[in-house]
C-alpha atoms as a PDB file:
ATOM      1  CA  MET A   1     181.575  26.368  80.703  1.00  0.00           C
ATOM      2  CA  ASN A   2     180.063  23.012  79.781  1.00  0.00           C
ATOM      3  CA  PHE A   3     176.464  22.329  78.803  1.00  0.00           C
ATOM      4  CA  GLU A   4     175.413  21.321  82.333  1.00  0.00           C
ATOM      5  CA  ASP A   5     176.755  24.575  83.808  1.00  0.00           C
ATOM      6  CA  LYS A   6     174.974  26.619  81.129  1.00  0.00           C
ATOM      7  CA  LYS A   7     171.778  24.744  81.850  1.00  0.00           C
ATOM      8  CA  GLN A   8     172.076  25.532  85.574  1.00  0.00           C
ATOM      9  CA  SER A   9     172.766  29.222  84.830  1.00  0.00           C
ATOM     10  CA  ILE A  10     169.734  29.481  82.554  1.00  0.00           C
ATOM     11  CA  LEU A  11     167.608  27.755  85.196  1.00  0.00           C
ATOM     12  CA  GLY A  12     168.854  30.205  87.821  1.00  0.00           C
ATOM     13  CA  TYR A  13     167.964  33.223  85.668  1.00  0.00           C
ATOM     14  CA  ALA A  14     164.565  31.657  84.959  1.00  0.00           C
ATOM     15  CA  PHE A  15     163.863  31.480  88.692  1.00  0.00           C
ATOM     16  CA  LEU A  16     165.010  35.104  89.132  1.00  0.00           C
ATOM     17  CA  LEU A  17     162.878  36.413  86.274  1.00  0.00           C
ATOM     18  CA  PRO A  18     159.508  36.562  88.144  1.00  0.00           C
ATOM     19  CA  SER A  19     160.987  38.593  91.000  1.00  0.00           C
ATOM     20  CA  LEU A  20     162.775  40.890  88.538  1.00  0.00           C
ATOM     21  CA  LEU A  21     159.488  41.462  86.707  1.00  0.00           C
ATOM     22  CA  VAL A  22     157.782  42.341  89.984  1.00  0.00           C
ATOM     23  CA  PHE A  23     160.577  44.795  90.807  1.00  0.00           C
ATOM     24  CA  ALA A  24     160.368  46.296  87.324  1.00  0.00           C
ATOM     25  CA  VAL A  25     156.597  46.818  87.493  1.00  0.00           C
ATOM     26  CA  PHE A  26     156.220  47.971  91.084  1.00  0.00           C
ATOM     27  CA  MET A  27     159.566  49.635  91.811  1.00  0.00           C
ATOM     28  CA  PHE A  28     161.666  50.596  88.805  1.00  0.00           C
ATOM     29  CA  TYR A  29     158.825  51.860  86.614  1.00  0.00           C
ATOM     30  CA  PRO A  30     157.314  54.122  89.338  1.00  0.00           C
ATOM     31  CA  LEU A  31     160.807  55.373  90.172  1.00  0.00           C
ATOM     32  CA  PHE A  32     161.626  56.373  86.603  1.00  0.00           C
ATOM     33  CA  TYR A  33     158.135  57.755  86.016  1.00  0.00           C
ATOM     34  CA  THR A  34     158.436  59.940  89.113  1.00  0.00           C
ATOM     35  CA  PHE A  35     161.756  61.253  87.845  1.00  0.00           C
ATOM     36  CA  TYR A  36     160.109  61.895  84.456  1.00  0.00           C
ATOM     37  CA  LEU A  37     157.165  63.779  86.004  1.00  0.00           C
ATOM     38  CA  SER A  38     159.498  66.052  87.959  1.00  0.00           C
ATOM     39  CA  PHE A  39     160.292  67.878  84.702  1.00  0.00           C
ATOM     40  CA  PHE A  40     156.645  68.610  83.866  1.00  0.00           C
ATOM     41  CA  ASP A  41     153.819  70.829  85.077  1.00  0.00           C
ATOM     42  CA  TRP A  42     150.762  68.590  85.442  1.00  0.00           C
ATOM     43  CA  ASN A  43     147.771  68.384  87.787  1.00  0.00           C
ATOM     44  CA  MET A  44     146.741  64.767  87.012  1.00  0.00           C
ATOM     45  CA  VAL A  45     143.686  66.112  85.158  1.00  0.00           C
ATOM     46  CA  LYS A  46     145.028  67.971  82.143  1.00  0.00           C
ATOM     47  CA  PRO A  47     145.457  65.662  79.127  1.00  0.00           C
ATOM     48  CA  VAL A  48     148.777  67.316  78.223  1.00  0.00           C
ATOM     49  CA  LYS A  49     151.832  67.668  80.435  1.00  0.00           C
ATOM     50  CA  GLU A  50     153.812  70.908  80.040  1.00  0.00           C
ATOM     51  CA  PHE A  51     157.580  70.446  80.020  1.00  0.00           C
ATOM     52  CA  VAL A  52     159.224  72.939  82.415  1.00  0.00           C
ATOM     53  CA  GLY A  53     162.712  71.471  82.768  1.00  0.00           C
ATOM     54  CA  LEU A  54     164.276  72.163  86.161  1.00  0.00           C
ATOM     55  CA  ALA A  55     161.637  74.747  87.135  1.00  0.00           C
ATOM     56  CA  ASN A  56     160.018  72.429  89.677  1.00  0.00           C
ATOM     57  CA  TYR A  57     163.336  71.786  91.426  1.00  0.00           C
ATOM     58  CA  ILE A  58     164.204  75.495  91.425  1.00  0.00           C
ATOM     59  CA  ALA A  59     160.775  76.423  92.823  1.00  0.00           C
ATOM     60  CA  VAL A  60     161.109  73.852  95.587  1.00  0.00           C
ATOM     61  CA  LEU A  61     164.614  74.999  96.545  1.00  0.00           C
ATOM     62  CA  LYS A  62     163.616  78.675  96.535  1.00  0.00           C
ATOM     63  CA  ASP A  63     160.571  78.108  98.732  1.00  0.00           C
ATOM     64  CA  PRO A  64     161.460  78.854 102.416  1.00  0.00           C
ATOM     65  CA  VAL A  65     158.826  76.320 103.473  1.00  0.00           C
ATOM     66  CA  THR A  66     160.966  73.579 101.887  1.00  0.00           C
ATOM     67  CA  TRP A  67     163.882  74.347 104.167  1.00  0.00           C
ATOM     68  CA  LYS A  68     161.618  74.427 107.200  1.00  0.00           C
ATOM     69  CA  ILE A  69     160.245  71.012 106.250  1.00  0.00           C
ATOM     70  CA  PHE A  70     163.783  69.750 105.575  1.00  0.00           C
ATOM     71  CA  GLY A  71     164.731  70.851 109.104  1.00  0.00           C
ATOM     72  CA  ASN A  72     161.673  69.018 110.431  1.00  0.00           C
ATOM     73  CA  THR A  73     162.780  65.895 108.557  1.00  0.00           C
ATOM     74  CA  VAL A  74     166.237  65.993 110.149  1.00  0.00           C
ATOM     75  CA  LEU A  75     164.671  66.540 113.584  1.00  0.00           C
ATOM     76  CA  TYR A  76     162.353  63.571 113.035  1.00  0.00           C
ATOM     77  CA  LEU A  77     165.365  61.416 112.148  1.00  0.00           C
ATOM     78  CA  VAL A  78     167.307  62.443 115.265  1.00  0.00           C
ATOM     79  CA  ILE A  79     164.384  61.882 117.648  1.00  0.00           C
ATOM     80  CA  LEU A  80     163.331  58.598 116.044  1.00  0.00           C
ATOM     81  CA  LEU A  81     166.909  57.287 116.196  1.00  0.00           C
ATOM     82  CA  GLY A  82     166.967  58.154 119.896  1.00  0.00           C
ATOM     83  CA  PHE A  83     163.632  56.469 120.604  1.00  0.00           C
ATOM     84  CA  ASN A  84     163.856  53.488 118.243  1.00  0.00           C
ATOM     85  CA  PHE A  85     167.582  52.738 118.141  1.00  0.00           C
ATOM     86  CA  VAL A  86     169.359  54.005 121.269  1.00  0.00           C
ATOM     87  CA  MET A  87     166.598  53.195 123.785  1.00  0.00           C
ATOM     88  CA  PRO A  88     166.014  49.610 122.524  1.00  0.00           C
ATOM     89  CA  TYR A  89     169.776  49.023 122.692  1.00  0.00           C
ATOM     90  CA  ILE A  90     169.986  50.167 126.315  1.00  0.00           C
ATOM     91  CA  LEU A  91     166.863  48.235 127.317  1.00  0.00           C
ATOM     92  CA  SER A  92     168.107  45.086 125.575  1.00  0.00           C
ATOM     93  CA  PHE A  93     171.412  45.303 127.452  1.00  0.00           C
ATOM     94  CA  ILE A  94     169.609  45.720 130.774  1.00  0.00           C
ATOM     95  CA  LEU A  95     167.332  42.738 130.157  1.00  0.00           C
ATOM     96  CA  SER A  96     170.192  40.550 128.880  1.00  0.00           C
ATOM     97  CA  ASN A  97     172.808  41.278 131.519  1.00  0.00           C
ATOM     98  CA  ILE A  98     171.234  42.965 134.540  1.00  0.00           C
ATOM     99  CA  ILE A  99     167.539  42.020 134.855  1.00  0.00           C
ATOM    100  CA  LYS A 100     167.413  38.605 133.232  1.00  0.00           C
ATOM    101  CA  LYS A 101     164.021  37.510 134.553  1.00  0.00           C
ATOM    102  CA  GLY A 102     160.790  38.087 132.657  1.00  0.00           C
ATOM    103  CA  GLN A 103     162.251  38.521 129.170  1.00  0.00           C
ATOM    104  CA  GLY A 104     159.246  36.777 127.623  1.00  0.00           C
ATOM    105  CA  PHE A 105     156.862  39.165 129.373  1.00  0.00           C
ATOM    106  CA  TYR A 106     158.759  42.257 128.222  1.00  0.00           C
ATOM    107  CA  LYS A 107     158.987  40.944 124.669  1.00  0.00           C
ATOM    108  CA  ALA A 108     155.209  40.457 124.517  1.00  0.00           C
ATOM    109  CA  VAL A 109     154.419  43.831 126.113  1.00  0.00           C
ATOM    110  CA  PHE A 110     156.751  45.848 123.874  1.00  0.00           C
ATOM    111  CA  PHE A 111     155.923  43.964 120.681  1.00  0.00           C
ATOM    112  CA  LEU A 112     152.120  44.066 121.064  1.00  0.00           C
ATOM    113  CA  PRO A 113     151.680  47.599 119.603  1.00  0.00           C
ATOM    114  CA  SER A 114     153.516  46.465 116.446  1.00  0.00           C
ATOM    115  CA  VAL A 115     150.483  44.442 115.375  1.00  0.00           C
ATOM    116  CA  ILE A 116     148.013  47.294 115.997  1.00  0.00           C
ATOM    117  CA  SER A 117     147.161  49.770 113.242  1.00  0.00           C
ATOM    118  CA  LEU A 118     149.034  53.052 113.506  1.00  0.00           C
ATOM    119  CA  VAL A 119     145.811  54.871 112.592  1.00  0.00           C
ATOM    120  CA  VAL A 120     144.167  53.354 115.673  1.00  0.00           C
ATOM    121  CA  GLY A 121     147.206  54.274 117.751  1.00  0.00           C
ATOM    122  CA  SER A 122     147.141  57.870 116.485  1.00  0.00           C
ATOM    123  CA  ILE A 123     143.472  58.277 117.391  1.00  0.00           C
ATOM    124  CA  LEU A 124     144.142  56.689 120.791  1.00  0.00           C
ATOM    125  CA  TYR A 125     146.950  59.131 121.504  1.00  0.00           C
ATOM    126  CA  ILE A 126     144.780  62.093 120.471  1.00  0.00           C
ATOM    127  CA  TRP A 127     142.489  61.090 123.341  1.00  0.00           C
ATOM    128  CA  ILE A 128     145.251  60.218 125.835  1.00  0.00           C
ATOM    129  CA  LEU A 129     147.143  63.475 125.226  1.00  0.00           C
ATOM    130  CA  ASN A 130     144.103  65.748 124.896  1.00  0.00           C
ATOM    131  CA  PRO A 131     145.321  68.853 126.772  1.00  0.00           C
ATOM    132  CA  ILE A 132     141.877  69.496 128.275  1.00  0.00           C
ATOM    133  CA  SER A 133     140.094  66.216 128.979  1.00  0.00           C
ATOM    134  CA  GLY A 134     142.651  63.481 128.330  1.00  0.00           C
ATOM    135  CA  PRO A 135     143.949  61.136 131.065  1.00  0.00           C
ATOM    136  CA  VAL A 136     147.390  62.774 131.035  1.00  0.00           C
ATOM    137  CA  ALA A 137     145.819  66.252 131.391  1.00  0.00           C
ATOM    138  CA  ILE A 138     143.674  65.067 134.322  1.00  0.00           C
ATOM    139  CA  ILE A 139     146.687  63.584 136.133  1.00  0.00           C
ATOM    140  CA  ALA A 140     148.756  66.713 135.407  1.00  0.00           C
ATOM    141  CA  LYS A 141     145.953  68.931 136.741  1.00  0.00           C
ATOM    142  CA  PHE A 142     145.803  66.845 139.926  1.00  0.00           C
ATOM    143  CA  LEU A 143     149.536  67.485 140.365  1.00  0.00           C
ATOM    144  CA  GLY A 144     149.086  71.200 139.720  1.00  0.00           C
ATOM    145  CA  LEU A 145     150.598  71.041 136.241  1.00  0.00           C
ATOM    146  CA  SER A 146     149.279  71.613 132.736  1.00  0.00           C
ATOM    147  CA  ILE A 147     150.202  70.185 129.356  1.00  0.00           C
ATOM    148  CA  PRO A 148     150.549  72.403 126.294  1.00  0.00           C
ATOM    149  CA  PHE A 149     148.326  72.323 123.224  1.00  0.00           C
ATOM    150  CA  TRP A 150     150.998  70.220 121.573  1.00  0.00           C
ATOM    151  CA  SER A 151     149.211  69.821 118.227  1.00  0.00           C
ATOM    152  CA  LYS A 152     149.337  73.610 117.819  1.00  0.00           C
ATOM    153  CA  THR A 153     152.821  74.200 119.238  1.00  0.00           C
ATOM    154  CA  GLU A 154     155.975  74.036 117.125  1.00  0.00           C
ATOM    155  CA  GLY A 155     158.562  71.628 118.494  1.00  0.00           C
ATOM    156  CA  TRP A 156     156.135  69.846 120.800  1.00  0.00           C
ATOM    157  CA  VAL A 157     154.128  68.547 117.862  1.00  0.00           C
ATOM    158  CA  ILE A 158     157.139  66.764 116.322  1.00  0.00           C
ATOM    159  CA  ALA A 159     158.094  65.232 119.676  1.00  0.00           C
ATOM    160  CA  VAL A 160     154.583  63.861 120.260  1.00  0.00           C
ATOM    161  CA  LEU A 161     154.275  62.511 116.706  1.00  0.00           C
ATOM    162  CA  CYS A 162     157.603  60.731 117.231  1.00  0.00           C
ATOM    163  CA  ILE A 163     156.246  59.209 120.451  1.00  0.00           C
ATOM    164  CA  ILE A 164     153.186  57.921 118.568  1.00  0.00           C
ATOM    165  CA  THR A 165     155.414  56.441 115.857  1.00  0.00           C
ATOM    166  CA  THR A 166     157.711  54.911 118.462  1.00  0.00           C
ATOM    167  CA  TRP A 167     154.716  53.217 120.108  1.00  0.00           C
ATOM    168  CA  LYS A 168     154.281  51.320 116.844  1.00  0.00           C
ATOM    169  CA  THR A 169     157.901  50.582 115.885  1.00  0.00           C
ATOM    170  CA  PHE A 170     159.736  50.246 119.221  1.00  0.00           C
ATOM    171  CA  GLY A 171     158.755  46.617 119.854  1.00  0.00           C
ATOM    172  CA  TYR A 172     160.045  45.285 116.541  1.00  0.00           C
ATOM    173  CA  ASN A 173     163.396  47.045 116.912  1.00  0.00           C
ATOM    174  CA  PHE A 174     163.632  45.896 120.528  1.00  0.00           C
ATOM    175  CA  ILE A 175     163.122  42.237 119.594  1.00  0.00           C
ATOM    176  CA  ILE A 176     165.761  42.406 116.825  1.00  0.00           C
ATOM    177  CA  ILE A 177     168.358  44.187 118.974  1.00  0.00           C
ATOM    178  CA  LEU A 178     167.670  41.926 121.977  1.00  0.00           C
ATOM    179  CA  ALA A 179     168.502  38.918 119.791  1.00  0.00           C
ATOM    180  CA  GLY A 180     171.777  40.546 118.753  1.00  0.00           C
ATOM    181  CA  VAL A 181     172.737  41.609 122.279  1.00  0.00           C
ATOM    182  CA  SER A 182     171.827  38.182 123.702  1.00  0.00           C
ATOM    183  CA  GLY A 183     174.203  36.632 121.164  1.00  0.00           C
ATOM    184  CA  VAL A 184     177.229  38.416 122.637  1.00  0.00           C
ATOM    185  CA  SER A 185     179.523  35.943 124.386  1.00  0.00           C
ATOM    186  CA  THR A 186     178.699  35.768 128.097  1.00  0.00           C
ATOM    187  CA  GLU A 187     182.273  34.656 128.801  1.00  0.00           C
ATOM    188  CA  VAL A 188     183.614  37.989 127.552  1.00  0.00           C
ATOM    189  CA  ILE A 189     181.118  39.946 129.655  1.00  0.00           C
ATOM    190  CA  GLU A 190     181.806  37.854 132.781  1.00  0.00           C
ATOM    191  CA  ALA A 191     185.555  38.305 132.295  1.00  0.00           C
ATOM    192  CA  ALA A 192     185.051  42.069 132.153  1.00  0.00           C
ATOM    193  CA  ARG A 193     182.942  41.942 135.307  1.00  0.00           C
ATOM    194  CA  LEU A 194     185.683  40.006 137.129  1.00  0.00           C
ATOM    195  CA  ASP A 195     188.069  42.810 136.183  1.00  0.00           C
ATOM    196  CA  ASN A 196     185.594  45.295 137.761  1.00  0.00           C
ATOM    197  CA  VAL A 197     184.840  47.003 134.457  1.00  0.00           C
ATOM    198  CA  PRO A 198     181.816  49.335 134.905  1.00  0.00           C
ATOM    199  CA  MET A 199     178.592  48.198 133.239  1.00  0.00           C
ATOM    200  CA  TRP A 200     178.434  51.288 131.031  1.00  0.00           C
ATOM    201  CA  LYS A 201     181.885  50.486 129.654  1.00  0.00           C
ATOM    202  CA  ILE A 202     180.878  46.865 129.067  1.00  0.00           C
ATOM    203  CA  PHE A 203     177.902  48.176 127.097  1.00  0.00           C
ATOM    204  CA  LYS A 204     179.936  50.725 125.123  1.00  0.00           C
ATOM    205  CA  ASP A 205     183.122  48.769 124.473  1.00  0.00           C
ATOM    206  CA  ILE A 206     181.916  45.144 124.312  1.00  0.00           C
ATOM    207  CA  VAL A 207     178.185  44.743 123.724  1.00  0.00           C
ATOM    208  CA  VAL A 208     177.662  47.478 121.120  1.00  0.00           C
ATOM    209  CA  PRO A 209     180.671  46.552 118.938  1.00  0.00           C
ATOM    210  CA  MET A 210     179.987  42.806 119.117  1.00  0.00           C
ATOM    211  CA  SER A 211     176.291  43.239 118.227  1.00  0.00           C
ATOM    212  CA  SER A 212     176.916  45.939 115.634  1.00  0.00           C
ATOM    213  CA  ALA A 213     175.867  43.726 112.698  1.00  0.00           C
ATOM    214  CA  THR A 214     172.348  43.670 114.137  1.00  0.00           C
ATOM    215  CA  GLY A 215     172.581  47.285 115.216  1.00  0.00           C
ATOM    216  CA  ILE A 216     173.426  48.551 111.741  1.00  0.00           C
ATOM    217  CA  TYR A 217     170.363  46.802 110.325  1.00  0.00           C
ATOM    218  CA  VAL A 218     168.093  48.471 112.893  1.00  0.00           C
ATOM    219  CA  PHE A 219     169.884  51.790 112.343  1.00  0.00           C
ATOM    220  CA  ILE A 220     169.127  51.727 108.609  1.00  0.00           C
ATOM    221  CA  THR A 221     165.534  50.534 108.988  1.00  0.00           C
ATOM    222  CA  THR A 222     164.892  53.232 111.601  1.00  0.00           C
ATOM    223  CA  ILE A 223     165.992  55.917 109.157  1.00  0.00           C
ATOM    224  CA  VAL A 224     164.119  54.515 106.168  1.00  0.00           C
ATOM    225  CA  GLN A 225     160.954  53.236 107.827  1.00  0.00           C
ATOM    226  CA  GLY A 226     160.748  55.853 110.568  1.00  0.00           C
ATOM    227  CA  LEU A 227     159.837  58.669 108.179  1.00  0.00           C
ATOM    228  CA  GLN A 228     157.390  56.376 106.393  1.00  0.00           C
ATOM    229  CA  TYR A 229     155.623  55.408 109.608  1.00  0.00           C
ATOM    230  CA  VAL A 230     155.455  58.987 110.900  1.00  0.00           C
ATOM    231  CA  PHE A 231     153.438  59.898 107.795  1.00  0.00           C
ATOM    232  CA  THR A 232     150.334  58.292 109.329  1.00  0.00           C
ATOM    233  CA  PRO A 233     150.293  60.339 112.575  1.00  0.00           C
ATOM    234  CA  ILE A 234     150.945  63.490 110.552  1.00  0.00           C
ATOM    235  CA  LYS A 235     148.013  62.718 108.258  1.00  0.00           C
ATOM    236  CA  VAL A 236     145.643  61.683 111.050  1.00  0.00           C
ATOM    237  CA  VAL A 237     146.559  64.257 113.714  1.00  0.00           C
ATOM    238  CA  THR A 238     148.000  67.463 112.233  1.00  0.00           C
ATOM    239  CA  GLN A 239     147.909  67.366 108.399  1.00  0.00           C
ATOM    240  CA  GLY A 240     151.350  68.983 108.489  1.00  0.00           C
ATOM    241  CA  GLY A 241     150.360  71.904 110.720  1.00  0.00           C
ATOM    242  CA  PRO A 242     150.612  74.210 112.454  1.00  0.00           C
ATOM    243  CA  ASN A 243     152.190  76.268 109.682  1.00  0.00           C
ATOM    244  CA  TYR A 244     154.097  73.220 108.309  1.00  0.00           C
ATOM    245  CA  ALA A 245     155.675  72.675 111.752  1.00  0.00           C
ATOM    246  CA  SER A 246     154.977  68.927 111.735  1.00  0.00           C
ATOM    247  CA  SER A 247     155.393  68.182 108.024  1.00  0.00           C
ATOM    248  CA  ASN A 248     158.309  66.212 106.618  1.00  0.00           C
ATOM    249  CA  MET A 249     159.597  65.565 103.103  1.00  0.00           C
ATOM    250  CA  ILE A 250     157.404  62.508 102.565  1.00  0.00           C
ATOM    251  CA  TYR A 251     154.236  64.267 103.707  1.00  0.00           C
ATOM    252  CA  MET A 252     155.197  67.322 101.645  1.00  0.00           C
ATOM    253  CA  SER A 253     155.331  65.141  98.530  1.00  0.00           C
ATOM    254  CA  TYR A 254     151.880  63.726  99.316  1.00  0.00           C
ATOM    255  CA  HIS A 255     150.473  67.198 100.073  1.00  0.00           C
ATOM    256  CA  GLU A 256     151.771  68.679  96.833  1.00  0.00           C
ATOM    257  CA  ALA A 257     150.295  65.853  94.738  1.00  0.00           C
ATOM    258  CA  PHE A 258     146.967  65.040  96.348  1.00  0.00           C
ATOM    259  CA  THR A 259     145.999  68.311  98.047  1.00  0.00           C
ATOM    260  CA  LEU A 260     147.467  71.000  95.793  1.00  0.00           C
ATOM    261  CA  TYR A 261     147.519  68.817  92.634  1.00  0.00           C
ATOM    262  CA  ARG A 262     151.028  69.959  91.701  1.00  0.00           C
ATOM    263  CA  THR A 263     152.283  66.615  90.494  1.00  0.00           C
ATOM    264  CA  GLY A 264     155.534  67.918  89.041  1.00  0.00           C
ATOM    265  CA  THR A 265     156.470  69.637  92.292  1.00  0.00           C
ATOM    266  CA  SER A 266     155.540  66.506  94.237  1.00  0.00           C
ATOM    267  CA  ALA A 267     157.745  64.390  91.977  1.00  0.00           C
ATOM    268  CA  ALA A 268     160.637  66.826  92.432  1.00  0.00           C
ATOM    269  CA  VAL A 269     160.262  66.623  96.233  1.00  0.00           C
ATOM    270  CA  SER A 270     160.164  62.817  95.992  1.00  0.00           C
ATOM    271  CA  VAL A 271     163.379  62.737  93.958  1.00  0.00           C
ATOM    272  CA  MET A 272     165.075  65.073  96.439  1.00  0.00           C
ATOM    273  CA  THR A 273     163.913  62.883  99.334  1.00  0.00           C
ATOM    274  CA  MET A 274     165.358  59.836  97.599  1.00  0.00           C
ATOM    275  CA  LEU A 275     168.657  61.684  97.157  1.00  0.00           C
ATOM    276  CA  LEU A 276     168.618  62.509 100.882  1.00  0.00           C
ATOM    277  CA  PHE A 277     168.252  58.808 101.715  1.00  0.00           C
ATOM    278  CA  ILE A 278     171.033  57.919  99.262  1.00  0.00           C
ATOM    279  CA  ILE A 279     173.364  60.467 100.883  1.00  0.00           C
ATOM    280  CA  LEU A 280     172.552  59.112 104.340  1.00  0.00           C
ATOM    281  CA  LEU A 281     173.234  55.550 103.198  1.00  0.00           C
ATOM    282  CA  ILE A 282     176.532  56.568 101.561  1.00  0.00           C
ATOM    283  CA  LEU A 283     177.622  58.276 104.794  1.00  0.00           C
ATOM    284  CA  GLU A 284     176.541  55.225 106.761  1.00  0.00           C
ATOM    285  CA  PHE A 285     178.573  52.859 104.577  1.00  0.00           C
ATOM    286  CA  LYS A 286     181.553  55.218 104.613  1.00  0.00           C
ATOM    287  CA  PHE A 287     181.750  55.959 108.340  1.00  0.00           C
ATOM    288  CA  VAL A 288     179.689  53.292 110.139  1.00  0.00           C
ATOM    289  CA  GLU A 289     179.687  50.064 108.127  1.00  0.00           C
ATOM    290  CA  LYS A 290     183.463  49.657 108.216  1.00  0.00           C
ATOM    291  CA  GLY A 291     183.311  49.423 112.007  1.00  0.00           C
ATOM    292  CA  VAL A 292     180.713  46.657 112.054  1.00  0.00           C
ATOM    293  CA  TYR A 293     181.725  43.365 113.652  1.00  0.00           C
ATOM    294  CA  TYR A 294     180.700  40.207 111.777  1.00  0.00           C
ATOM    295  CA  GLU A 295     181.386  37.085 113.807  1.00  0.00           C
ATOM    296  CA  ASN A 296     181.920  34.811 110.805  1.00  0.00           C
END
């Protein structure tokens, strides 16, 4: 390597240094400090932290509430993937290949909630879905139906919180997937139509594989960001209730730290949540990524 190449390499590292410092301060340090705190008993007030080893992890794993919340977390993931990944894919295919008019209108309508605060949306949905005096309850009563007290009913509460989260995140995912689906070669689709291939097979065998590079991005962001976004409706609407029926791993970590002041337990839950995401990403790369189609 000559002097000019060394100079360019040093210049490149110099440009990278500010971003690496930002990552170190705001990402790596909190990550390692969280891992460090998971081995201590501390309430954020006591001047001395008591080392307890793996006791926090053992306590979390032995607590039956943890497994209930873990089940809630998996259920959140499944429902959010259905709402924010599968539905935008189907809608994008319909607008790209069946109903081609008015794409700009649909883009604006679906994307608009993305710029509105999720706190505002949560409060709005509390009113809309009020089982006694909300608009949906009034319409249901007119039709001779009734809606359950969803915020106090296990199962229903997770479904409604996912709907609130979807209201916020659906538009962004829809715009990204629509761009990917619209990029699929029209010649291939038209050739399949001339061969009388059913639309559902065109979607399954042509559109999804050929737009999978975009799809995998939305798939990952739905998993990672979905549980982060759903934290706000949980905090605003249910606070994890009833009886932890709406809590997830992220809210559990917050609850342990800032409600119960068990910082070590909260850190242990955070580490376990991170491991869950790592496992999901490993499975994704192992079984999904290898089937992704990259045009170039």
